[in-house]
Amino acid sequence: MHFQVFLIKDNKDVLPPKKLLKSRTVKTLWKGEEYFTQEYWYEFIEPKLAKQLQKYKIVECLKETLAKPIKSGRFLTKGIKPIFGPTIKN
């Protein structure tokens, strides 16, 4: 396995501003039941965002991540605010 660590202050041309990289809450089915989970910014890049991200080098580092959908390792919750309900990890 290969990891890279980037310090934001030293890599302004590599890492985009956090405001561009928002996650979202989505409904999903797991074992026949409806749950909520988070999708990260790189799982639902829209054309406008993709164009903005092209100028940052992190996109080159994410080619493998963007090529494969994430199928496991998500936290699932019955409600949108998991602090008030049970959470499971699939």
PDB file of N, CA and C in Angstrom:
ATOM      1  N   MET A   1       0.847  -1.170   0.000  1.00  0.00           N
ATOM      2  CA  MET A   1       0.000   0.000   0.000  1.00  0.00           C
ATOM      3  C   MET A   1       0.894   1.235   0.000  1.00  0.00           C
ATOM      4  N   HIS A   2       0.431   2.278  -0.653  1.00  0.00           N
ATOM      5  CA  HIS A   2       1.218   3.501  -0.808  1.00  0.00           C
ATOM      6  C   HIS A   2       0.426   4.688  -0.274  1.00  0.00           C
ATOM      7  N   PHE A   3       1.054   5.499   0.565  1.00  0.00           N
ATOM      8  CA  PHE A   3       0.417   6.692   1.115  1.00  0.00           C
ATOM      9  C   PHE A   3       1.254   7.917   0.795  1.00  0.00           C
ATOM     10  N   GLN A   4       0.566   9.032   0.596  1.00  0.00           N
ATOM     11  CA  GLN A   4       1.239  10.316   0.447  1.00  0.00           C
ATOM     12  C   GLN A   4       0.605  11.281   1.437  1.00  0.00           C
ATOM     13  N   VAL A   5       1.426  12.078   2.082  1.00  0.00           N
ATOM     14  CA  VAL A   5       0.938  13.081   3.027  1.00  0.00           C
ATOM     15  C   VAL A   5       1.319  14.453   2.470  1.00  0.00           C
ATOM     16  N   PHE A   6       0.332  15.337   2.420  1.00  0.00           N
ATOM     17  CA  PHE A   6       0.558  16.683   1.922  1.00  0.00           C
ATOM     18  C   PHE A   6       0.210  17.684   3.019  1.00  0.00           C
ATOM     19  N   LEU A   7       1.087  18.641   3.245  1.00  0.00           N
ATOM     20  CA  LEU A   7       0.795  19.746   4.149  1.00  0.00           C
ATOM     21  C   LEU A   7       0.174  20.859   3.320  1.00  0.00           C
ATOM     22  N   ILE A   8      -0.980  21.323   3.739  1.00  0.00           N
ATOM     23  CA  ILE A   8      -1.720  22.310   2.963  1.00  0.00           C
ATOM     24  C   ILE A   8      -0.878  23.558   2.690  1.00  0.00           C
ATOM     25  N   LYS A   9      -0.227  24.084   3.710  1.00  0.00           N
ATOM     26  CA  LYS A   9       0.511  25.337   3.518  1.00  0.00           C
ATOM     27  C   LYS A   9       1.678  25.201   2.542  1.00  0.00           C
ATOM     28  N   ASP A  10       2.210  23.995   2.391  1.00  0.00           N
ATOM     29  CA  ASP A  10       3.340  23.777   1.480  1.00  0.00           C
ATOM     30  C   ASP A  10       2.909  23.325   0.091  1.00  0.00           C
ATOM     31  N   ASN A  11       1.620  23.108  -0.110  1.00  0.00           N
ATOM     32  CA  ASN A  11       1.161  22.523  -1.371  1.00  0.00           C
ATOM     33  C   ASN A  11      -0.101  23.193  -1.908  1.00  0.00           C
ATOM     34  N   LYS A  12      -0.078  24.482  -2.003  1.00  0.00           N
ATOM     35  CA  LYS A  12      -1.266  25.201  -2.472  1.00  0.00           C
ATOM     36  C   LYS A  12      -1.651  24.819  -3.898  1.00  0.00           C
ATOM     37  N   ASP A  13      -0.696  24.370  -4.709  1.00  0.00           N
ATOM     38  CA  ASP A  13      -1.013  23.950  -6.074  1.00  0.00           C
ATOM     39  C   ASP A  13      -1.460  22.484  -6.139  1.00  0.00           C
ATOM     40  N   VAL A  14      -1.352  21.766  -5.030  1.00  0.00           N
ATOM     41  CA  VAL A  14      -1.735  20.357  -4.981  1.00  0.00           C
ATOM     42  C   VAL A  14      -3.141  20.184  -4.423  1.00  0.00           C
ATOM     43  N   LEU A  15      -3.408  20.827  -3.309  1.00  0.00           N
ATOM     44  CA  LEU A  15      -4.678  20.643  -2.603  1.00  0.00           C
ATOM     45  C   LEU A  15      -5.643  21.802  -2.846  1.00  0.00           C
ATOM     46  N   PRO A  16      -6.861  21.502  -3.297  1.00  0.00           N
ATOM     47  CA  PRO A  16      -7.853  22.567  -3.482  1.00  0.00           C
ATOM     48  C   PRO A  16      -8.394  23.045  -2.143  1.00  0.00           C
ATOM     49  N   PRO A  17      -9.023  24.206  -2.115  1.00  0.00           N
ATOM     50  CA  PRO A  17      -9.613  24.705  -0.865  1.00  0.00           C
ATOM     51  C   PRO A  17     -10.693  23.750  -0.362  1.00  0.00           C
ATOM     52  N   LYS A  18     -10.805  23.631   0.944  1.00  0.00           N
ATOM     53  CA  LYS A  18     -11.784  22.721   1.550  1.00  0.00           C
ATOM     54  C   LYS A  18     -13.211  23.023   1.097  1.00  0.00           C
ATOM     55  N   LYS A  19     -13.510  24.272   0.823  1.00  0.00           N
ATOM     56  CA  LYS A  19     -14.874  24.636   0.430  1.00  0.00           C
ATOM     57  C   LYS A  19     -15.303  23.947  -0.869  1.00  0.00           C
ATOM     58  N   LEU A  20     -14.357  23.518  -1.689  1.00  0.00           N
ATOM     59  CA  LEU A  20     -14.681  22.782  -2.913  1.00  0.00           C
ATOM     60  C   LEU A  20     -14.939  21.303  -2.651  1.00  0.00           C
ATOM     61  N   LEU A  21     -14.509  20.804  -1.513  1.00  0.00           N
ATOM     62  CA  LEU A  21     -14.500  19.363  -1.265  1.00  0.00           C
ATOM     63  C   LEU A  21     -15.546  18.933  -0.241  1.00  0.00           C
ATOM     64  N   LYS A  22     -16.766  19.301  -0.458  1.00  0.00           N
ATOM     65  CA  LYS A  22     -17.833  18.989   0.488  1.00  0.00           C
ATOM     66  C   LYS A  22     -18.375  17.584   0.266  1.00  0.00           C
ATOM     67  N   SER A  23     -18.714  16.925   1.353  1.00  0.00           N
ATOM     68  CA  SER A  23     -19.379  15.627   1.260  1.00  0.00           C
ATOM     69  C   SER A  23     -20.885  15.860   1.313  1.00  0.00           C
ATOM     70  N   ARG A  24     -21.637  14.794   1.102  1.00  0.00           N
ATOM     71  CA  ARG A  24     -23.094  14.919   1.177  1.00  0.00           C
ATOM     72  C   ARG A  24     -23.681  13.672   1.818  1.00  0.00           C
ATOM     73  N   THR A  25     -24.848  13.830   2.412  1.00  0.00           N
ATOM     74  CA  THR A  25     -25.561  12.719   3.025  1.00  0.00           C
ATOM     75  C   THR A  25     -26.506  12.128   1.982  1.00  0.00           C
ATOM     76  N   VAL A  26     -26.482  10.792   1.856  1.00  0.00           N
ATOM     77  CA  VAL A  26     -27.340  10.111   0.889  1.00  0.00           C
ATOM     78  C   VAL A  26     -28.012   8.900   1.536  1.00  0.00           C
ATOM     79  N   LYS A  27     -29.139   8.514   0.962  1.00  0.00           N
ATOM     80  CA  LYS A  27     -29.817   7.292   1.392  1.00  0.00           C
ATOM     81  C   LYS A  27     -29.198   6.119   0.650  1.00  0.00           C
ATOM     82  N   THR A  28     -29.116   4.981   1.328  1.00  0.00           N
ATOM     83  CA  THR A  28     -28.595   3.776   0.708  1.00  0.00           C
ATOM     84  C   THR A  28     -29.334   2.566   1.269  1.00  0.00           C
ATOM     85  N   LEU A  29     -29.345   1.493   0.526  1.00  0.00           N
ATOM     86  CA  LEU A  29     -29.942   0.249   0.996  1.00  0.00           C
ATOM     87  C   LEU A  29     -28.844  -0.695   1.442  1.00  0.00           C
ATOM     88  N   TRP A  30     -29.037  -1.325   2.593  1.00  0.00           N
ATOM     89  CA  TRP A  30     -28.100  -2.313   3.094  1.00  0.00           C
ATOM     90  C   TRP A  30     -28.912  -3.414   3.753  1.00  0.00           C
ATOM     91  N   LYS A  31     -28.732  -4.621   3.265  1.00  0.00           N
ATOM     92  CA  LYS A  31     -29.482  -5.777   3.761  1.00  0.00           C
ATOM     93  C   LYS A  31     -30.989  -5.524   3.755  1.00  0.00           C
ATOM     94  N   GLY A  32     -31.451  -4.877   2.684  1.00  0.00           N
ATOM     95  CA  GLY A  32     -32.875  -4.642   2.509  1.00  0.00           C
ATOM     96  C   GLY A  32     -33.462  -3.502   3.321  1.00  0.00           C
ATOM     97  N   GLU A  33     -32.646  -2.781   4.064  1.00  0.00           N
ATOM     98  CA  GLU A  33     -33.146  -1.666   4.873  1.00  0.00           C
ATOM     99  C   GLU A  33     -32.528  -0.355   4.396  1.00  0.00           C
ATOM    100  N   GLU A  34     -33.258   0.730   4.613  1.00  0.00           N
ATOM    101  CA  GLU A  34     -32.798   2.053   4.209  1.00  0.00           C
ATOM    102  C   GLU A  34     -31.976   2.705   5.323  1.00  0.00           C
ATOM    103  N   TYR A  35     -30.806   3.223   4.953  1.00  0.00           N
ATOM    104  CA  TYR A  35     -29.910   3.905   5.884  1.00  0.00           C
ATOM    105  C   TYR A  35     -29.424   5.202   5.233  1.00  0.00           C
ATOM    106  N   PHE A  36     -28.761   6.025   6.031  1.00  0.00           N
ATOM    107  CA  PHE A  36     -28.082   7.213   5.529  1.00  0.00           C
ATOM    108  C   PHE A  36     -26.582   7.001   5.679  1.00  0.00           C
ATOM    109  N   THR A  37     -25.808   7.562   4.761  1.00  0.00           N
ATOM    110  CA  THR A  37     -24.353   7.512   4.822  1.00  0.00           C
ATOM    111  C   THR A  37     -23.792   8.759   4.151  1.00  0.00           C
ATOM    112  N   GLN A  38     -22.492   8.935   4.223  1.00  0.00           N
ATOM    113  CA  GLN A  38     -21.827  10.076   3.598  1.00  0.00           C
ATOM    114  C   GLN A  38     -21.148   9.648   2.305  1.00  0.00           C
ATOM    115  N   GLU A  39     -21.267  10.476   1.277  1.00  0.00           N
ATOM    116  CA  GLU A  39     -20.484  10.325   0.053  1.00  0.00           C
ATOM    117  C   GLU A  39     -19.455  11.444   0.056  1.00  0.00           C
ATOM    118  N   TYR A  40     -18.227  11.094  -0.236  1.00  0.00           N
ATOM    119  CA  TYR A  40     -17.166  12.091  -0.277  1.00  0.00           C
ATOM    120  C   TYR A  40     -17.152  12.786  -1.626  1.00  0.00           C
ATOM    121  N   TRP A  41     -16.552  13.951  -1.678  1.00  0.00           N
ATOM    122  CA  TRP A  41     -16.549  14.787  -2.874  1.00  0.00           C
ATOM    123  C   TRP A  41     -16.076  14.035  -4.107  1.00  0.00           C
ATOM    124  N   TYR A  42     -15.130  13.143  -3.985  1.00  0.00           N
ATOM    125  CA  TYR A  42     -14.585  12.459  -5.157  1.00  0.00           C
ATOM    126  C   TYR A  42     -15.494  11.349  -5.675  1.00  0.00           C
ATOM    127  N   GLU A  43     -16.590  11.077  -4.974  1.00  0.00           N
ATOM    128  CA  GLU A  43     -17.536  10.066  -5.427  1.00  0.00           C
ATOM    129  C   GLU A  43     -18.648  10.656  -6.294  1.00  0.00           C
ATOM    130  N   PHE A  44     -18.793  11.956  -6.312  1.00  0.00           N
ATOM    131  CA  PHE A  44     -19.880  12.567  -7.086  1.00  0.00           C
ATOM    132  C   PHE A  44     -19.435  13.861  -7.752  1.00  0.00           C
ATOM    133  N   ILE A  45     -18.265  13.859  -8.332  1.00  0.00           N
ATOM    134  CA  ILE A  45     -17.738  15.074  -8.958  1.00  0.00           C
ATOM    135  C   ILE A  45     -18.630  15.464 -10.130  1.00  0.00           C
ATOM    136  N   GLU A  46     -19.118  16.677 -10.077  1.00  0.00           N
ATOM    137  CA  GLU A  46     -19.931  17.234 -11.151  1.00  0.00           C
ATOM    138  C   GLU A  46     -19.002  17.928 -12.143  1.00  0.00           C
ATOM    139  N   PRO A  47     -19.451  18.114 -13.389  1.00  0.00           N
ATOM    140  CA  PRO A  47     -18.578  18.728 -14.412  1.00  0.00           C
ATOM    141  C   PRO A  47     -17.971  20.069 -13.991  1.00  0.00           C
ATOM    142  N   LYS A  48     -18.762  20.914 -13.332  1.00  0.00           N
ATOM    143  CA  LYS A  48     -18.245  22.226 -12.909  1.00  0.00           C
ATOM    144  C   LYS A  48     -17.108  22.065 -11.893  1.00  0.00           C
ATOM    145  N   LEU A  49     -17.290  21.162 -10.930  1.00  0.00           N
ATOM    146  CA  LEU A  49     -16.254  20.913  -9.930  1.00  0.00           C
ATOM    147  C   LEU A  49     -15.029  20.274 -10.575  1.00  0.00           C
ATOM    148  N   ALA A  50     -15.240  19.337 -11.482  1.00  0.00           N
ATOM    149  CA  ALA A  50     -14.119  18.681 -12.166  1.00  0.00           C
ATOM    150  C   ALA A  50     -13.247  19.708 -12.883  1.00  0.00           C
ATOM    151  N   LYS A  51     -13.883  20.665 -13.509  1.00  0.00           N
ATOM    152  CA  LYS A  51     -13.128  21.712 -14.207  1.00  0.00           C
ATOM    153  C   LYS A  51     -12.310  22.550 -13.226  1.00  0.00           C
ATOM    154  N   GLN A  52     -12.895  22.868 -12.073  1.00  0.00           N
ATOM    155  CA  GLN A  52     -12.181  23.651 -11.060  1.00  0.00           C
ATOM    156  C   GLN A  52     -10.996  22.858 -10.488  1.00  0.00           C
ATOM    157  N   LEU A  53     -11.159  21.548 -10.347  1.00  0.00           N
ATOM    158  CA  LEU A  53     -10.121  20.714  -9.735  1.00  0.00           C
ATOM    159  C   LEU A  53      -8.961  20.392 -10.678  1.00  0.00           C
ATOM    160  N   GLN A  54      -9.151  20.576 -11.969  1.00  0.00           N
ATOM    161  CA  GLN A  54      -8.115  20.241 -12.936  1.00  0.00           C
ATOM    162  C   GLN A  54      -6.802  20.974 -12.691  1.00  0.00           C
ATOM    163  N   LYS A  55      -6.865  22.136 -12.101  1.00  0.00           N
ATOM    164  CA  LYS A  55      -5.635  22.905 -11.891  1.00  0.00           C
ATOM    165  C   LYS A  55      -4.845  22.454 -10.654  1.00  0.00           C
ATOM    166  N   TYR A  56      -5.408  21.521  -9.880  1.00  0.00           N
ATOM    167  CA  TYR A  56      -4.720  21.026  -8.685  1.00  0.00           C
ATOM    168  C   TYR A  56      -4.124  19.638  -8.945  1.00  0.00           C
ATOM    169  N   LYS A  57      -2.919  19.417  -8.464  1.00  0.00           N
ATOM    170  CA  LYS A  57      -2.187  18.165  -8.719  1.00  0.00           C
ATOM    171  C   LYS A  57      -2.768  16.946  -8.000  1.00  0.00           C
ATOM    172  N   ILE A  58      -3.619  17.148  -6.995  1.00  0.00           N
ATOM    173  CA  ILE A  58      -4.190  16.033  -6.250  1.00  0.00           C
ATOM    174  C   ILE A  58      -4.993  15.109  -7.175  1.00  0.00           C
ATOM    175  N   VAL A  59      -5.557  15.653  -8.238  1.00  0.00           N
ATOM    176  CA  VAL A  59      -6.344  14.850  -9.168  1.00  0.00           C
ATOM    177  C   VAL A  59      -5.492  13.717  -9.751  1.00  0.00           C
ATOM    178  N   GLU A  60      -4.237  13.987 -10.024  1.00  0.00           N
ATOM    179  CA  GLU A  60      -3.336  12.939 -10.527  1.00  0.00           C
ATOM    180  C   GLU A  60      -3.155  11.824  -9.506  1.00  0.00           C
ATOM    181  N   CYS A  61      -3.110  12.176  -8.249  1.00  0.00           N
ATOM    182  CA  CYS A  61      -2.916  11.192  -7.179  1.00  0.00           C
ATOM    183  C   CYS A  61      -4.169  10.361  -6.929  1.00  0.00           C
ATOM    184  N   LEU A  62      -5.318  10.840  -7.367  1.00  0.00           N
ATOM    185  CA  LEU A  62      -6.580  10.169  -7.085  1.00  0.00           C
ATOM    186  C   LEU A  62      -7.090   9.289  -8.228  1.00  0.00           C
ATOM    187  N   LYS A  63      -6.304   9.086  -9.268  1.00  0.00           N
ATOM    188  CA  LYS A  63      -6.781   8.306 -10.418  1.00  0.00           C
ATOM    189  C   LYS A  63      -7.307   6.937 -10.006  1.00  0.00           C
ATOM    190  N   GLU A  64      -6.609   6.240  -9.132  1.00  0.00           N
ATOM    191  CA  GLU A  64      -7.071   4.929  -8.668  1.00  0.00           C
ATOM    192  C   GLU A  64      -8.356   5.046  -7.866  1.00  0.00           C
ATOM    193  N   THR A  65      -8.424   6.026  -6.990  1.00  0.00           N
ATOM    194  CA  THR A  65      -9.615   6.222  -6.152  1.00  0.00           C
ATOM    195  C   THR A  65     -10.836   6.521  -7.011  1.00  0.00           C
ATOM    196  N   LEU A  66     -10.673   7.363  -8.010  1.00  0.00           N
ATOM    197  CA  LEU A  66     -11.791   7.753  -8.855  1.00  0.00           C
ATOM    198  C   LEU A  66     -12.232   6.633  -9.785  1.00  0.00           C
ATOM    199  N   ALA A  67     -11.360   5.670 -10.044  1.00  0.00           N
ATOM    200  CA  ALA A  67     -11.672   4.580 -10.968  1.00  0.00           C
ATOM    201  C   ALA A  67     -12.542   3.493 -10.354  1.00  0.00           C
ATOM    202  N   LYS A  68     -12.560   3.370  -9.034  1.00  0.00           N
ATOM    203  CA  LYS A  68     -13.280   2.288  -8.375  1.00  0.00           C
ATOM    204  C   LYS A  68     -14.333   2.844  -7.418  1.00  0.00           C
ATOM    205  N   PRO A  69     -15.570   2.347  -7.506  1.00  0.00           N
ATOM    206  CA  PRO A  69     -16.569   2.784  -6.533  1.00  0.00           C
ATOM    207  C   PRO A  69     -16.283   2.208  -5.153  1.00  0.00           C
ATOM    208  N   ILE A  70     -16.647   2.935  -4.121  1.00  0.00           N
ATOM    209  CA  ILE A  70     -16.465   2.468  -2.751  1.00  0.00           C
ATOM    210  C   ILE A  70     -17.677   1.630  -2.375  1.00  0.00           C
ATOM    211  N   LYS A  71     -17.451   0.372  -2.023  1.00  0.00           N
ATOM    212  CA  LYS A  71     -18.567  -0.523  -1.752  1.00  0.00           C
ATOM    213  C   LYS A  71     -18.692  -0.910  -0.288  1.00  0.00           C
ATOM    214  N   SER A  72     -17.675  -0.727   0.513  1.00  0.00           N
ATOM    215  CA  SER A  72     -17.759  -1.110   1.919  1.00  0.00           C
ATOM    216  C   SER A  72     -17.011  -0.099   2.772  1.00  0.00           C
ATOM    217  N   GLY A  73     -17.072  -0.308   4.089  1.00  0.00           N
ATOM    218  CA  GLY A  73     -16.364   0.574   5.000  1.00  0.00           C
ATOM    219  C   GLY A  73     -17.101   1.865   5.306  1.00  0.00           C
ATOM    220  N   ARG A  74     -18.379   1.897   5.039  1.00  0.00           N
ATOM    221  CA  ARG A  74     -19.170   3.094   5.309  1.00  0.00           C
ATOM    222  C   ARG A  74     -19.866   2.977   6.662  1.00  0.00           C
ATOM    223  N   PHE A  75     -20.058   4.124   7.286  1.00  0.00           N
ATOM    224  CA  PHE A  75     -20.874   4.173   8.489  1.00  0.00           C
ATOM    225  C   PHE A  75     -22.310   4.438   8.054  1.00  0.00           C
ATOM    226  N   LEU A  76     -23.213   3.620   8.536  1.00  0.00           N
ATOM    227  CA  LEU A  76     -24.624   3.743   8.184  1.00  0.00           C
ATOM    228  C   LEU A  76     -25.420   4.102   9.425  1.00  0.00           C
ATOM    229  N   THR A  77     -26.431   4.943   9.248  1.00  0.00           N
ATOM    230  CA  THR A  77     -27.285   5.324  10.358  1.00  0.00           C
ATOM    231  C   THR A  77     -28.728   5.402   9.880  1.00  0.00           C
ATOM    232  N   LYS A  78     -29.650   5.166  10.787  1.00  0.00           N
ATOM    233  CA  LYS A  78     -31.074   5.213  10.442  1.00  0.00           C
ATOM    234  C   LYS A  78     -31.576   6.646  10.282  1.00  0.00           C
ATOM    235  N   GLY A  79     -30.910   7.602  10.925  1.00  0.00           N
ATOM    236  CA  GLY A  79     -31.315   9.001  10.837  1.00  0.00           C
ATOM    237  C   GLY A  79     -30.192   9.854  10.292  1.00  0.00           C
ATOM    238  N   ILE A  80     -30.518  11.066   9.909  1.00  0.00           N
ATOM    239  CA  ILE A  80     -29.511  11.967   9.337  1.00  0.00           C
ATOM    240  C   ILE A  80     -28.512  12.418  10.395  1.00  0.00           C
ATOM    241  N   LYS A  81     -28.935  12.520  11.655  1.00  0.00           N
ATOM    242  CA  LYS A  81     -28.029  12.940  12.731  1.00  0.00           C
ATOM    243  C   LYS A  81     -27.657  11.702  13.555  1.00  0.00           C
ATOM    244  N   PRO A  82     -26.552  11.030  13.212  1.00  0.00           N
ATOM    245  CA  PRO A  82     -26.218   9.761  13.861  1.00  0.00           C
ATOM    246  C   PRO A  82     -25.961   9.845  15.354  1.00  0.00           C
ATOM    247  N   ILE A  83     -25.704  11.023  15.885  1.00  0.00           N
ATOM    248  CA  ILE A  83     -25.440  11.146  17.314  1.00  0.00           C
ATOM    249  C   ILE A  83     -26.679  10.750  18.128  1.00  0.00           C
ATOM    250  N   PHE A  84     -27.853  10.842  17.491  1.00  0.00           N
ATOM    251  CA  PHE A  84     -29.088  10.534  18.196  1.00  0.00           C
ATOM    252  C   PHE A  84     -29.635   9.141  17.883  1.00  0.00           C
ATOM    253  N   GLY A  85     -28.895   8.348  17.151  1.00  0.00           N
ATOM    254  CA  GLY A  85     -29.397   7.020  16.818  1.00  0.00           C
ATOM    255  C   GLY A  85     -28.268   6.025  16.657  1.00  0.00           C
ATOM    256  N   PRO A  86     -28.596   4.756  16.502  1.00  0.00           N
ATOM    257  CA  PRO A  86     -27.563   3.739  16.351  1.00  0.00           C
ATOM    258  C   PRO A  86     -26.840   3.876  15.002  1.00  0.00           C
ATOM    259  N   THR A  87     -25.557   3.636  15.002  1.00  0.00           N
ATOM    260  CA  THR A  87     -24.733   3.666  13.811  1.00  0.00           C
ATOM    261  C   THR A  87     -24.062   2.312  13.663  1.00  0.00           C
ATOM    262  N   ILE A  88     -24.007   1.817  12.429  1.00  0.00           N
ATOM    263  CA  ILE A  88     -23.295   0.561  12.170  1.00  0.00           C
ATOM    264  C   ILE A  88     -22.290   0.793  11.052  1.00  0.00           C
ATOM    265  N   LYS A  89     -21.303  -0.062  10.996  1.00  0.00           N
ATOM    266  CA  LYS A  89     -20.298   0.019   9.941  1.00  0.00           C
ATOM    267  C   LYS A  89     -20.442  -1.217   9.089  1.00  0.00           C
ATOM    268  N   ASN A  90     -20.659  -1.041   7.782  1.00  0.00           N
ATOM    269  CA  ASN A  90     -20.797  -2.217   6.917  1.00  0.00           C
ATOM    270  C   ASN A  90     -19.485  -2.632   6.341  1.00  0.00           C
TER     271      ASN A  90
END
